[in-house]
PDB file of all heavy atoms in Angstrom:
ATOM      1  N   ARG A   1      99.544  46.912 177.568  1.00  0.00           N
ATOM      2  CA  ARG A   1      98.788  45.703 177.233  1.00  0.00           C
ATOM      3  C   ARG A   1      97.997  45.243 178.447  1.00  0.00           C
ATOM      4  O   ARG A   1      98.540  45.149 179.548  1.00  0.00           O
ATOM      5  CB  ARG A   1      99.765  44.615 176.790  1.00  0.00           C
ATOM      6  CG  ARG A   1      99.120  43.297 176.460  1.00  0.00           C
ATOM      7  CD  ARG A   1     100.187  42.298 176.045  1.00  0.00           C
ATOM      8  NE  ARG A   1      99.625  40.979 175.916  1.00  0.00           N
ATOM      9  CZ  ARG A   1      99.774  40.200 174.857  1.00  0.00           C
ATOM     10  NH1 ARG A   1     100.497  40.607 173.845  1.00  0.00           N
ATOM     11  NH2 ARG A   1      99.232  39.014 174.812  1.00  0.00           N
ATOM     12  N   ILE A   2      96.718  44.943 178.234  1.00  0.00           N
ATOM     13  CA  ILE A   2      95.844  44.451 179.301  1.00  0.00           C
ATOM     14  C   ILE A   2      95.363  43.065 178.900  1.00  0.00           C
ATOM     15  O   ILE A   2      94.928  42.867 177.768  1.00  0.00           O
ATOM     16  CB  ILE A   2      94.638  45.390 179.498  1.00  0.00           C
ATOM     17  CG1 ILE A   2      95.120  46.769 179.928  1.00  0.00           C
ATOM     18  CG2 ILE A   2      93.660  44.802 180.502  1.00  0.00           C
ATOM     19  CD1 ILE A   2      94.030  47.809 179.956  1.00  0.00           C
ATOM     20  N   GLU A   3      95.435  42.107 179.830  1.00  0.00           N
ATOM     21  CA  GLU A   3      94.966  40.746 179.559  1.00  0.00           C
ATOM     22  C   GLU A   3      94.024  40.278 180.657  1.00  0.00           C
ATOM     23  O   GLU A   3      94.282  40.484 181.837  1.00  0.00           O
ATOM     24  CB  GLU A   3      96.138  39.769 179.506  1.00  0.00           C
ATOM     25  CG  GLU A   3      97.025  39.922 178.306  1.00  0.00           C
ATOM     26  CD  GLU A   3      98.094  38.849 178.271  1.00  0.00           C
ATOM     27  OE1 GLU A   3      97.836  37.720 178.729  1.00  0.00           O
ATOM     28  OE2 GLU A   3      99.187  39.145 177.786  1.00  0.00           O
ATOM     29  N   ASN A   4      92.939  39.629 180.250  1.00  0.00           N
ATOM     30  CA  ASN A   4      92.016  38.943 181.156  1.00  0.00           C
ATOM     31  C   ASN A   4      91.417  39.831 182.237  1.00  0.00           C
ATOM     32  O   ASN A   4      91.189  39.378 183.362  1.00  0.00           O
ATOM     33  CB  ASN A   4      92.713  37.746 181.826  1.00  0.00           C
ATOM     34  CG  ASN A   4      93.164  36.710 180.830  1.00  0.00           C
ATOM     35  OD1 ASN A   4      92.415  36.336 179.939  1.00  0.00           O
ATOM     36  ND2 ASN A   4      94.397  36.270 180.950  1.00  0.00           N
ATOM     37  N   ALA A   5      91.131  41.089 181.932  1.00  0.00           N
ATOM     38  CA  ALA A   5      90.478  41.947 182.927  1.00  0.00           C
ATOM     39  C   ALA A   5      89.020  41.541 183.067  1.00  0.00           C
ATOM     40  O   ALA A   5      88.353  41.232 182.087  1.00  0.00           O
ATOM     41  CB  ALA A   5      90.580  43.407 182.511  1.00  0.00           C
ATOM     42  N   ASP A   6      88.521  41.520 184.288  1.00  0.00           N
ATOM     43  CA  ASP A   6      87.132  41.172 184.560  1.00  0.00           C
ATOM     44  C   ASP A   6      86.229  42.374 184.338  1.00  0.00           C
ATOM     45  O   ASP A   6      86.617  43.512 184.595  1.00  0.00           O
ATOM     46  CB  ASP A   6      86.976  40.696 186.010  1.00  0.00           C
ATOM     47  CG  ASP A   6      87.704  39.394 186.266  1.00  0.00           C
ATOM     48  OD1 ASP A   6      87.716  38.550 185.361  1.00  0.00           O
ATOM     49  OD2 ASP A   6      88.253  39.234 187.364  1.00  0.00           O
ATOM     50  N   ALA A   7      85.005  42.124 183.909  1.00  0.00           N
ATOM     51  CA  ALA A   7      84.062  43.215 183.644  1.00  0.00           C
ATOM     52  C   ALA A   7      83.571  43.889 184.921  1.00  0.00           C
ATOM     53  O   ALA A   7      83.220  45.055 184.902  1.00  0.00           O
ATOM     54  CB  ALA A   7      82.883  42.707 182.822  1.00  0.00           C
ATOM     55  N   MET A   8      83.527  43.194 186.016  1.00  0.00           N
ATOM     56  CA  MET A   8      83.072  43.803 187.271  1.00  0.00           C
ATOM     57  C   MET A   8      84.006  43.377 188.387  1.00  0.00           C
ATOM     58  O   MET A   8      84.313  42.206 188.491  1.00  0.00           O
ATOM     59  CB  MET A   8      81.648  43.372 187.599  1.00  0.00           C
ATOM     60  CG  MET A   8      80.619  43.935 186.653  1.00  0.00           C
ATOM     61  SD  MET A   8      80.571  45.719 186.603  1.00  0.00           S
ATOM     62  CE  MET A   8      79.562  46.082 188.006  1.00  0.00           C
ATOM     63  N   PRO A   9      84.488  44.245 189.218  1.00  0.00           N
ATOM     64  CA  PRO A   9      84.292  45.681 189.124  1.00  0.00           C
ATOM     65  C   PRO A   9      85.142  46.268 188.011  1.00  0.00           C
ATOM     66  O   PRO A   9      86.078  45.622 187.552  1.00  0.00           O
ATOM     67  CB  PRO A   9      84.756  46.184 190.491  1.00  0.00           C
ATOM     68  CG  PRO A   9      85.795  45.198 190.907  1.00  0.00           C
ATOM     69  CD  PRO A   9      85.339  43.873 190.343  1.00  0.00           C
ATOM     70  N   PHE A  10      84.835  47.476 187.618  1.00  0.00           N
ATOM     71  CA  PHE A  10      85.548  48.114 186.519  1.00  0.00           C
ATOM     72  C   PHE A  10      86.970  48.484 186.918  1.00  0.00           C
ATOM     73  O   PHE A  10      87.255  48.778 188.061  1.00  0.00           O
ATOM     74  CB  PHE A  10      84.835  49.395 186.090  1.00  0.00           C
ATOM     75  CG  PHE A  10      83.494  49.158 185.491  1.00  0.00           C
ATOM     76  CD1 PHE A  10      82.351  49.494 186.179  1.00  0.00           C
ATOM     77  CD2 PHE A  10      83.377  48.601 184.239  1.00  0.00           C
ATOM     78  CE1 PHE A  10      81.097  49.280 185.627  1.00  0.00           C
ATOM     79  CE2 PHE A  10      82.130  48.379 183.674  1.00  0.00           C
ATOM     80  CZ  PHE A  10      80.991  48.721 184.373  1.00  0.00           C
ATOM     81  N   SER A  11      87.837  48.488 185.931  1.00  0.00           N
ATOM     82  CA  SER A  11      89.164  49.075 186.071  1.00  0.00           C
ATOM     83  C   SER A  11      89.094  50.451 185.421  1.00  0.00           C
ATOM     84  O   SER A  11      88.240  50.695 184.579  1.00  0.00           O
ATOM     85  CB  SER A  11      90.197  48.229 185.333  1.00  0.00           C
ATOM     86  OG  SER A  11      90.293  46.951 185.898  1.00  0.00           O
ATOM     87  N   TRP A  12      89.992  51.326 185.809  1.00  0.00           N
ATOM     88  CA  TRP A  12      90.013  52.596 185.091  1.00  0.00           C
ATOM     89  C   TRP A  12      91.432  53.034 184.784  1.00  0.00           C
ATOM     90  O   TRP A  12      92.371  52.753 185.510  1.00  0.00           O
ATOM     91  CB  TRP A  12      89.213  53.687 185.769  1.00  0.00           C
ATOM     92  CG  TRP A  12      89.803  54.336 186.979  1.00  0.00           C
ATOM     93  CD1 TRP A  12      90.947  55.068 187.058  1.00  0.00           C
ATOM     94  CD2 TRP A  12      89.244  54.345 188.282  1.00  0.00           C
ATOM     95  NE1 TRP A  12      91.135  55.516 188.326  1.00  0.00           N
ATOM     96  CE2 TRP A  12      90.098  55.097 189.097  1.00  0.00           C
ATOM     97  CE3 TRP A  12      88.088  53.796 188.829  1.00  0.00           C
ATOM     98  CZ2 TRP A  12      89.849  55.308 190.443  1.00  0.00           C
ATOM     99  CZ3 TRP A  12      87.854  54.016 190.162  1.00  0.00           C
ATOM    100  CH2 TRP A  12      88.709  54.765 190.960  1.00  0.00           C
ATOM    101  N   ILE A  13      91.527  53.704 183.663  1.00  0.00           N
ATOM    102  CA  ILE A  13      92.764  54.309 183.173  1.00  0.00           C
ATOM    103  C   ILE A  13      92.389  55.777 182.993  1.00  0.00           C
ATOM    104  O   ILE A  13      91.649  56.126 182.079  1.00  0.00           O
ATOM    105  CB  ILE A  13      93.198  53.681 181.821  1.00  0.00           C
ATOM    106  CG1 ILE A  13      93.200  52.154 181.873  1.00  0.00           C
ATOM    107  CG2 ILE A  13      94.509  54.260 181.361  1.00  0.00           C
ATOM    108  CD1 ILE A  13      94.253  51.528 182.724  1.00  0.00           C
ATOM    109  N   LYS A  14      92.859  56.638 183.893  1.00  0.00           N
ATOM    110  CA  LYS A  14      92.332  58.009 183.960  1.00  0.00           C
ATOM    111  C   LYS A  14      93.446  59.044 184.065  1.00  0.00           C
ATOM    112  O   LYS A  14      94.367  58.898 184.879  1.00  0.00           O
ATOM    113  CB  LYS A  14      91.409  58.097 185.180  1.00  0.00           C
ATOM    114  CG  LYS A  14      90.771  59.430 185.412  1.00  0.00           C
ATOM    115  CD  LYS A  14      89.868  59.356 186.641  1.00  0.00           C
ATOM    116  CE  LYS A  14      89.241  60.688 186.960  1.00  0.00           C
ATOM    117  NZ  LYS A  14      88.440  60.632 188.192  1.00  0.00           N
ATOM    118  N   ASN A  15      93.341  60.088 183.229  1.00  0.00           N
ATOM    119  CA  ASN A  15      94.253  61.242 183.283  1.00  0.00           C
ATOM    120  C   ASN A  15      95.720  60.847 183.126  1.00  0.00           C
ATOM    121  O   ASN A  15      96.588  61.375 183.814  1.00  0.00           O
ATOM    122  CB  ASN A  15      94.069  62.031 184.586  1.00  0.00           C
ATOM    123  CG  ASN A  15      92.699  62.633 184.708  1.00  0.00           C
ATOM    124  OD1 ASN A  15      92.085  63.010 183.719  1.00  0.00           O
ATOM    125  ND2 ASN A  15      92.186  62.691 185.921  1.00  0.00           N
ATOM    126  N   ASN A  16      95.982  59.919 182.219  1.00  0.00           N
ATOM    127  CA  ASN A  16      97.352  59.470 181.972  1.00  0.00           C
ATOM    128  C   ASN A  16      97.841  59.968 180.625  1.00  0.00           C
ATOM    129  O   ASN A  16      97.047  60.311 179.752  1.00  0.00           O
ATOM    130  CB  ASN A  16      97.406  57.938 181.971  1.00  0.00           C
ATOM    131  CG  ASN A  16      96.962  57.362 183.287  1.00  0.00           C
ATOM    132  OD1 ASN A  16      97.631  57.500 184.291  1.00  0.00           O
ATOM    133  ND2 ASN A  16      95.802  56.724 183.294  1.00  0.00           N
ATOM    134  N   THR A  17      99.156  59.957 180.466  1.00  0.00           N
ATOM    135  CA  THR A  17      99.753  60.241 179.169  1.00  0.00           C
ATOM    136  C   THR A  17     100.572  59.027 178.767  1.00  0.00           C
ATOM    137  O   THR A  17     101.425  58.565 179.525  1.00  0.00           O
ATOM    138  CB  THR A  17     100.653  61.488 179.219  1.00  0.00           C
ATOM    139  OG1 THR A  17      99.871  62.594 179.683  1.00  0.00           O
ATOM    140  CG2 THR A  17     101.197  61.818 177.841  1.00  0.00           C
ATOM    141  N   PHE A  18     100.265  58.494 177.584  1.00  0.00           N
ATOM    142  CA  PHE A  18     100.962  57.335 177.032  1.00  0.00           C
ATOM    143  C   PHE A  18     101.980  57.835 176.021  1.00  0.00           C
ATOM    144  O   PHE A  18     101.647  58.653 175.156  1.00  0.00           O
ATOM    145  CB  PHE A  18      99.966  56.397 176.344  1.00  0.00           C
ATOM    146  CG  PHE A  18      99.010  55.748 177.305  1.00  0.00           C
ATOM    147  CD1 PHE A  18      97.898  56.418 177.767  1.00  0.00           C
ATOM    148  CD2 PHE A  18      99.242  54.454 177.757  1.00  0.00           C
ATOM    149  CE1 PHE A  18      97.023  55.826 178.661  1.00  0.00           C
ATOM    150  CE2 PHE A  18      98.375  53.848 178.654  1.00  0.00           C
ATOM    151  CZ  PHE A  18      97.266  54.539 179.105  1.00  0.00           C
ATOM    152  N   TYR A  19     103.206  57.326 176.102  1.00  0.00           N
ATOM    153  CA  TYR A  19     104.271  57.717 175.182  1.00  0.00           C
ATOM    154  C   TYR A  19     104.713  56.497 174.382  1.00  0.00           C
ATOM    155  O   TYR A  19     105.052  55.465 174.956  1.00  0.00           O
ATOM    156  CB  TYR A  19     105.474  58.271 175.949  1.00  0.00           C
ATOM    157  CG  TYR A  19     105.205  59.616 176.572  1.00  0.00           C
ATOM    158  CD1 TYR A  19     104.582  59.720 177.805  1.00  0.00           C
ATOM    159  CD2 TYR A  19     105.573  60.786 175.909  1.00  0.00           C
ATOM    160  CE1 TYR A  19     104.328  60.952 178.377  1.00  0.00           C
ATOM    161  CE2 TYR A  19     105.327  62.027 176.479  1.00  0.00           C
ATOM    162  CZ  TYR A  19     104.702  62.105 177.718  1.00  0.00           C
ATOM    163  OH  TYR A  19     104.452  63.328 178.269  1.00  0.00           O
ATOM    164  N   SER A  20     104.684  56.654 173.057  1.00  0.00           N
ATOM    165  CA  SER A  20     105.123  55.589 172.147  1.00  0.00           C
ATOM    166  C   SER A  20     106.219  56.140 171.243  1.00  0.00           C
ATOM    167  O   SER A  20     106.236  57.341 170.939  1.00  0.00           O
ATOM    168  CB  SER A  20     103.958  55.113 171.268  1.00  0.00           C
ATOM    169  OG  SER A  20     102.859  54.694 172.046  1.00  0.00           O
ATOM    170  N   PRO A  21     107.122  55.271 170.771  1.00  0.00           N
ATOM    171  CA  PRO A  21     108.153  55.727 169.843  1.00  0.00           C
ATOM    172  C   PRO A  21     107.545  56.243 168.529  1.00  0.00           C
ATOM    173  O   PRO A  21     106.431  55.865 168.159  1.00  0.00           O
ATOM    174  CB  PRO A  21     108.993  54.471 169.581  1.00  0.00           C
ATOM    175  CG  PRO A  21     108.610  53.491 170.630  1.00  0.00           C
ATOM    176  CD  PRO A  21     107.241  53.852 171.092  1.00  0.00           C
ATOM    177  N   ALA A  22     108.277  57.074 167.816  1.00  0.00           N
ATOM    178  CA  ALA A  22     107.794  57.651 166.553  1.00  0.00           C
ATOM    179  C   ALA A  22     107.433  56.584 165.532  1.00  0.00           C
ATOM    180  O   ALA A  22     106.486  56.737 164.763  1.00  0.00           O
ATOM    181  CB  ALA A  22     108.841  58.598 165.980  1.00  0.00           C
ATOM    182  N   ASP A  23     108.165  55.465 165.527  1.00  0.00           N
ATOM    183  CA  ASP A  23     107.929  54.397 164.546  1.00  0.00           C
ATOM    184  C   ASP A  23     107.005  53.298 165.096  1.00  0.00           C
ATOM    185  O   ASP A  23     107.003  52.172 164.610  1.00  0.00           O
ATOM    186  CB  ASP A  23     109.248  53.800 164.071  1.00  0.00           C
ATOM    187  CG  ASP A  23     110.104  53.262 165.216  1.00  0.00           C
ATOM    188  OD1 ASP A  23     109.851  53.603 166.396  1.00  0.00           O
ATOM    189  OD2 ASP A  23     111.056  52.510 164.931  1.00  0.00           O
ATOM    190  N   TYR A  24     106.187  53.650 166.080  1.00  0.00           N
ATOM    191  CA  TYR A  24     105.266  52.700 166.718  1.00  0.00           C
ATOM    192  C   TYR A  24     104.373  52.030 165.680  1.00  0.00           C
ATOM    193  O   TYR A  24     103.641  52.696 164.953  1.00  0.00           O
ATOM    194  CB  TYR A  24     104.406  53.460 167.734  1.00  0.00           C
ATOM    195  CG  TYR A  24     103.428  52.618 168.515  1.00  0.00           C
ATOM    196  CD1 TYR A  24     103.873  51.763 169.512  1.00  0.00           C
ATOM    197  CD2 TYR A  24     102.066  52.704 168.283  1.00  0.00           C
ATOM    198  CE1 TYR A  24     102.979  51.007 170.260  1.00  0.00           C
ATOM    199  CE2 TYR A  24     101.158  51.957 169.025  1.00  0.00           C
ATOM    200  CZ  TYR A  24     101.629  51.112 170.012  1.00  0.00           C
ATOM    201  OH  TYR A  24     100.746  50.369 170.746  1.00  0.00           O
ATOM    202  N   SER A  25     104.438  50.695 165.607  1.00  0.00           N
ATOM    203  CA  SER A  25     103.631  49.974 164.608  1.00  0.00           C
ATOM    204  C   SER A  25     103.497  48.492 164.923  1.00  0.00           C
ATOM    205  O   SER A  25     103.832  47.649 164.091  1.00  0.00           O
ATOM    206  CB  SER A  25     104.245  50.154 163.224  1.00  0.00           C
ATOM    207  OG  SER A  25     105.570  49.653 163.229  1.00  0.00           O
ATOM    208  N   PRO A  26     102.980  48.130 166.116  1.00  0.00           N
ATOM    209  CA  PRO A  26     102.756  46.708 166.374  1.00  0.00           C
ATOM    210  C   PRO A  26     101.719  46.158 165.386  1.00  0.00           C
ATOM    211  O   PRO A  26     100.806  46.882 164.996  1.00  0.00           O
ATOM    212  CB  PRO A  26     102.230  46.651 167.793  1.00  0.00           C
ATOM    213  CG  PRO A  26     102.184  48.031 168.300  1.00  0.00           C
ATOM    214  CD  PRO A  26     102.573  48.965 167.214  1.00  0.00           C
ATOM    215  N   PRO A  27     101.847  44.909 164.977  1.00  0.00           N
ATOM    216  CA  PRO A  27     100.898  44.336 164.017  1.00  0.00           C
ATOM    217  C   PRO A  27      99.452  44.392 164.515  1.00  0.00           C
ATOM    218  O   PRO A  27      99.164  44.009 165.643  1.00  0.00           O
ATOM    219  CB  PRO A  27     101.361  42.883 163.874  1.00  0.00           C
ATOM    220  CG  PRO A  27     102.755  42.861 164.392  1.00  0.00           C
ATOM    221  CD  PRO A  27     102.873  43.969 165.385  1.00  0.00           C
ATOM    222  N   ASP A  28      98.553  44.900 163.685  1.00  0.00           N
ATOM    223  CA  ASP A  28      97.111  44.943 163.942  1.00  0.00           C
ATOM    224  C   ASP A  28      96.701  45.777 165.149  1.00  0.00           C
ATOM    225  O   ASP A  28      95.598  45.631 165.655  1.00  0.00           O
ATOM    226  CB  ASP A  28      96.537  43.526 164.093  1.00  0.00           C
ATOM    227  CG  ASP A  28      96.789  42.684 162.863  1.00  0.00           C
ATOM    228  OD1 ASP A  28      96.630  43.213 161.742  1.00  0.00           O
ATOM    229  OD2 ASP A  28      97.151  41.510 163.017  1.00  0.00           O
ATOM    230  N   ILE A  29      97.578  46.634 165.635  1.00  0.00           N
ATOM    231  CA  ILE A  29      97.265  47.491 166.777  1.00  0.00           C
ATOM    232  C   ILE A  29      97.548  48.931 166.360  1.00  0.00           C
ATOM    233  O   ILE A  29      98.654  49.253 165.945  1.00  0.00           O
ATOM    234  CB  ILE A  29      98.091  47.097 168.016  1.00  0.00           C
ATOM    235  CG1 ILE A  29      97.755  45.665 168.409  1.00  0.00           C
ATOM    236  CG2 ILE A  29      97.838  48.057 169.167  1.00  0.00           C
ATOM    237  CD1 ILE A  29      98.677  45.077 169.426  1.00  0.00           C
ATOM    238  N   PHE A  30      96.544  49.780 166.497  1.00  0.00           N
ATOM    239  CA  PHE A  30      96.671  51.153 166.033  1.00  0.00           C
ATOM    240  C   PHE A  30      96.518  52.166 167.165  1.00  0.00           C
ATOM    241  O   PHE A  30      96.342  53.351 166.917  1.00  0.00           O
ATOM    242  CB  PHE A  30      95.626  51.411 164.938  1.00  0.00           C
ATOM    243  CG  PHE A  30      95.689  50.380 163.855  1.00  0.00           C
ATOM    244  CD1 PHE A  30      94.777  49.346 163.812  1.00  0.00           C
ATOM    245  CD2 PHE A  30      96.701  50.406 162.903  1.00  0.00           C
ATOM    246  CE1 PHE A  30      94.847  48.372 162.824  1.00  0.00           C
ATOM    247  CE2 PHE A  30      96.789  49.437 161.911  1.00  0.00           C
ATOM    248  CZ  PHE A  30      95.850  48.423 161.869  1.00  0.00           C
ATOM    249  N   CYS A  31      96.566  51.686 168.383  1.00  0.00           N
ATOM    250  CA  CYS A  31      96.366  52.508 169.574  1.00  0.00           C
ATOM    251  C   CYS A  31      97.469  52.192 170.585  1.00  0.00           C
ATOM    252  O   CYS A  31      98.114  51.150 170.500  1.00  0.00           O
ATOM    253  CB  CYS A  31      95.009  52.188 170.193  1.00  0.00           C
ATOM    254  SG  CYS A  31      93.613  52.468 169.099  1.00  0.00           S
ATOM    255  N   PRO A  32      97.645  53.041 171.593  1.00  0.00           N
ATOM    256  CA  PRO A  32      98.667  52.738 172.601  1.00  0.00           C
ATOM    257  C   PRO A  32      98.276  51.606 173.549  1.00  0.00           C
ATOM    258  O   PRO A  32      99.129  50.980 174.153  1.00  0.00           O
ATOM    259  CB  PRO A  32      98.829  54.047 173.356  1.00  0.00           C
ATOM    260  CG  PRO A  32      97.508  54.719 173.210  1.00  0.00           C
ATOM    261  CD  PRO A  32      97.025  54.338 171.832  1.00  0.00           C
ATOM    262  N   VAL A  33      96.962  51.338 173.682  1.00  0.00           N
ATOM    263  CA  VAL A  33      96.482  50.295 174.589  1.00  0.00           C
ATOM    264  C   VAL A  33      95.911  49.142 173.784  1.00  0.00           C
ATOM    265  O   VAL A  33      95.143  49.345 172.846  1.00  0.00           O
ATOM    266  CB  VAL A  33      95.403  50.845 175.547  1.00  0.00           C
ATOM    267  CG1 VAL A  33      94.850  49.736 176.431  1.00  0.00           C
ATOM    268  CG2 VAL A  33      95.958  51.977 176.399  1.00  0.00           C
ATOM    269  N   ALA A  34      96.303  47.919 174.153  1.00  0.00           N
ATOM    270  CA  ALA A  34      95.784  46.707 173.510  1.00  0.00           C
ATOM    271  C   ALA A  34      95.164  45.817 174.579  1.00  0.00           C
ATOM    272  O   ALA A  34      95.824  45.472 175.556  1.00  0.00           O
ATOM    273  CB  ALA A  34      96.908  45.972 172.791  1.00  0.00           C
ATOM    274  N   GLU A  35      93.899  45.470 174.386  1.00  0.00           N
ATOM    275  CA  GLU A  35      93.188  44.598 175.329  1.00  0.00           C
ATOM    276  C   GLU A  35      93.092  43.195 174.741  1.00  0.00           C
ATOM    277  O   GLU A  35      92.521  43.006 173.673  1.00  0.00           O
ATOM    278  CB  GLU A  35      91.779  45.112 175.583  1.00  0.00           C
ATOM    279  CG  GLU A  35      91.715  46.396 176.360  1.00  0.00           C
ATOM    280  CD  GLU A  35      90.287  46.802 176.672  1.00  0.00           C
ATOM    281  OE1 GLU A  35      89.343  46.110 176.242  1.00  0.00           O
ATOM    282  OE2 GLU A  35      90.112  47.824 177.356  1.00  0.00           O
ATOM    283  N   TYR A  36      93.643  42.213 175.467  1.00  0.00           N
ATOM    284  CA  TYR A  36      93.619  40.812 175.056  1.00  0.00           C
ATOM    285  C   TYR A  36      92.710  40.026 175.994  1.00  0.00           C
ATOM    286  O   TYR A  36      92.817  40.157 177.217  1.00  0.00           O
ATOM    287  CB  TYR A  36      95.022  40.208 175.101  1.00  0.00           C
ATOM    288  CG  TYR A  36      95.932  40.703 174.012  1.00  0.00           C
ATOM    289  CD1 TYR A  36      96.605  41.908 174.146  1.00  0.00           C
ATOM    290  CD2 TYR A  36      96.108  39.971 172.847  1.00  0.00           C
ATOM    291  CE1 TYR A  36      97.436  42.367 173.141  1.00  0.00           C
ATOM    292  CE2 TYR A  36      96.940  40.420 171.838  1.00  0.00           C
ATOM    293  CZ  TYR A  36      97.596  41.621 171.999  1.00  0.00           C
ATOM    294  OH  TYR A  36      98.421  42.086 170.994  1.00  0.00           O
ATOM    295  N   ASP A  37      91.833  39.217 175.414  1.00  0.00           N
ATOM    296  CA  ASP A  37      90.968  38.336 176.202  1.00  0.00           C
ATOM    297  C   ASP A  37      90.260  39.105 177.320  1.00  0.00           C
ATOM    298  O   ASP A  37      90.150  38.637 178.447  1.00  0.00           O
ATOM    299  CB  ASP A  37      91.779  37.172 176.780  1.00  0.00           C
ATOM    300  CG  ASP A  37      92.531  36.417 175.694  1.00  0.00           C
ATOM    301  OD1 ASP A  37      91.897  36.042 174.687  1.00  0.00           O
ATOM    302  OD2 ASP A  37      93.744  36.222 175.838  1.00  0.00           O
ATOM    303  N   THR A  38      89.783  40.280 176.987  1.00  0.00           N
ATOM    304  CA  THR A  38      89.153  41.180 177.952  1.00  0.00           C
ATOM    305  C   THR A  38      87.842  41.675 177.374  1.00  0.00           C
ATOM    306  O   THR A  38      87.773  42.061 176.213  1.00  0.00           O
ATOM    307  CB  THR A  38      90.087  42.378 178.237  1.00  0.00           C
ATOM    308  OG1 THR A  38      91.244  41.898 178.915  1.00  0.00           O
ATOM    309  CG2 THR A  38      89.431  43.436 179.088  1.00  0.00           C
ATOM    310  N   ASP A  39      86.794  41.684 178.192  1.00  0.00           N
ATOM    311  CA  ASP A  39      85.525  42.267 177.773  1.00  0.00           C
ATOM    312  C   ASP A  39      85.757  43.742 177.449  1.00  0.00           C
ATOM    313  O   ASP A  39      86.388  44.456 178.229  1.00  0.00           O
ATOM    314  CB  ASP A  39      84.522  42.121 178.921  1.00  0.00           C
ATOM    315  CG  ASP A  39      83.141  42.603 178.563  1.00  0.00           C
ATOM    316  OD1 ASP A  39      83.013  43.766 178.126  1.00  0.00           O
ATOM    317  OD2 ASP A  39      82.187  41.839 178.740  1.00  0.00           O
ATOM    318  N   SER A  40      85.252  44.212 176.326  1.00  0.00           N
ATOM    319  CA  SER A  40      85.519  45.585 175.896  1.00  0.00           C
ATOM    320  C   SER A  40      84.911  46.638 176.821  1.00  0.00           C
ATOM    321  O   SER A  40      85.235  47.814 176.721  1.00  0.00           O
ATOM    322  CB  SER A  40      85.024  45.806 174.464  1.00  0.00           C
ATOM    323  OG  SER A  40      83.633  45.641 174.404  1.00  0.00           O
ATOM    324  N   THR A  41      84.057  46.224 177.751  1.00  0.00           N
ATOM    325  CA  THR A  41      83.484  47.166 178.718  1.00  0.00           C
ATOM    326  C   THR A  41      84.160  47.087 180.086  1.00  0.00           C
ATOM    327  O   THR A  41      83.746  47.769 181.025  1.00  0.00           O
ATOM    328  CB  THR A  41      81.976  46.906 178.899  1.00  0.00           C
ATOM    329  OG1 THR A  41      81.784  45.605 179.464  1.00  0.00           O
ATOM    330  CG2 THR A  41      81.231  47.020 177.579  1.00  0.00           C
ATOM    331  N   ALA A  42      85.189  46.291 180.227  1.00  0.00           N
ATOM    332  CA  ALA A  42      85.810  46.057 181.532  1.00  0.00           C
ATOM    333  C   ALA A  42      86.667  47.221 182.017  1.00  0.00           C
ATOM    334  O   ALA A  42      86.877  47.373 183.208  1.00  0.00           O
ATOM    335  CB  ALA A  42      86.653  44.785 181.497  1.00  0.00           C
ATOM    336  N   VAL A  43      87.182  48.019 181.103  1.00  0.00           N
ATOM    337  CA  VAL A  43      88.096  49.098 181.478  1.00  0.00           C
ATOM    338  C   VAL A  43      87.504  50.422 181.025  1.00  0.00           C
ATOM    339  O   VAL A  43      87.110  50.571 179.867  1.00  0.00           O
ATOM    340  CB  VAL A  43      89.489  48.891 180.850  1.00  0.00           C
ATOM    341  CG1 VAL A  43      90.441  49.996 181.284  1.00  0.00           C
ATOM    342  CG2 VAL A  43      90.056  47.527 181.217  1.00  0.00           C
ATOM    343  N   LEU A  44      87.464  51.373 181.929  1.00  0.00           N
ATOM    344  CA  LEU A  44      87.005  52.726 181.601  1.00  0.00           C
ATOM    345  C   LEU A  44      88.218  53.587 181.285  1.00  0.00           C
ATOM    346  O   LEU A  44      89.167  53.640 182.072  1.00  0.00           O
ATOM    347  CB  LEU A  44      86.245  53.328 182.775  1.00  0.00           C
ATOM    348  CG  LEU A  44      84.989  52.601 183.234  1.00  0.00           C
ATOM    349  CD1 LEU A  44      84.435  53.276 184.487  1.00  0.00           C
ATOM    350  CD2 LEU A  44      83.953  52.585 182.134  1.00  0.00           C
ATOM    351  N   TYR A  45      88.175  54.262 180.166  1.00  0.00           N
ATOM    352  CA  TYR A  45      89.245  55.175 179.760  1.00  0.00           C
ATOM    353  C   TYR A  45      88.716  56.594 179.871  1.00  0.00           C
ATOM    354  O   TYR A  45      87.759  56.956 179.194  1.00  0.00           O
ATOM    355  CB  TYR A  45      89.686  54.877 178.329  1.00  0.00           C
ATOM    356  CG  TYR A  45      90.243  53.482 178.175  1.00  0.00           C
ATOM    357  CD1 TYR A  45      89.454  52.438 177.714  1.00  0.00           C
ATOM    358  CD2 TYR A  45      91.559  53.213 178.529  1.00  0.00           C
ATOM    359  CE1 TYR A  45      89.967  51.158 177.598  1.00  0.00           C
ATOM    360  CE2 TYR A  45      92.081  51.924 178.418  1.00  0.00           C
ATOM    361  CZ  TYR A  45      91.276  50.915 177.947  1.00  0.00           C
ATOM    362  OH  TYR A  45      91.776  49.639 177.834  1.00  0.00           O
ATOM    363  N   ILE A  46      89.340  57.387 180.735  1.00  0.00           N
ATOM    364  CA  ILE A  46      88.839  58.731 181.023  1.00  0.00           C
ATOM    365  C   ILE A  46      89.978  59.740 180.863  1.00  0.00           C
ATOM    366  O   ILE A  46      90.993  59.663 181.565  1.00  0.00           O
ATOM    367  CB  ILE A  46      88.280  58.801 182.461  1.00  0.00           C
ATOM    368  CG1 ILE A  46      87.209  57.735 182.665  1.00  0.00           C
ATOM    369  CG2 ILE A  46      87.741  60.188 182.773  1.00  0.00           C
ATOM    370  CD1 ILE A  46      86.889  57.453 184.125  1.00  0.00           C
ATOM    371  N   ASN A  47      89.832  60.652 179.916  1.00  0.00           N
ATOM    372  CA  ASN A  47      90.719  61.807 179.785  1.00  0.00           C
ATOM    373  C   ASN A  47      92.204  61.435 179.682  1.00  0.00           C
ATOM    374  O   ASN A  47      93.032  61.946 180.433  1.00  0.00           O
ATOM    375  CB  ASN A  47      90.491  62.773 180.954  1.00  0.00           C
ATOM    376  CG  ASN A  47      91.075  64.138 180.685  1.00  0.00           C
ATOM    377  OD1 ASN A  47      91.075  64.602 179.550  1.00  0.00           O
ATOM    378  ND2 ASN A  47      91.594  64.780 181.715  1.00  0.00           N
ATOM    379  N   ASN A  48      92.539  60.545 178.761  1.00  0.00           N
ATOM    380  CA  ASN A  48      93.929  60.156 178.543  1.00  0.00           C
ATOM    381  C   ASN A  48      94.480  60.822 177.291  1.00  0.00           C
ATOM    382  O   ASN A  48      93.724  61.245 176.417  1.00  0.00           O
ATOM    383  CB  ASN A  48      94.019  58.635 178.404  1.00  0.00           C
ATOM    384  CG  ASN A  48      93.631  57.942 179.679  1.00  0.00           C
ATOM    385  OD1 ASN A  48      94.328  58.015 180.674  1.00  0.00           O
ATOM    386  ND2 ASN A  48      92.483  57.285 179.677  1.00  0.00           N
TER     387      ASN A  48
END
């Protein structure tokens, strides 16, 4: 979970492996990463 990340400078999440339980099902979230109150361009996701 990421909260309140600033758009500049960028953050990056690169070359990582995310592990979730088989029954993973948080409400309204369909991905391993959830960004709250964060500009959608603030974090770069590269090769995860």
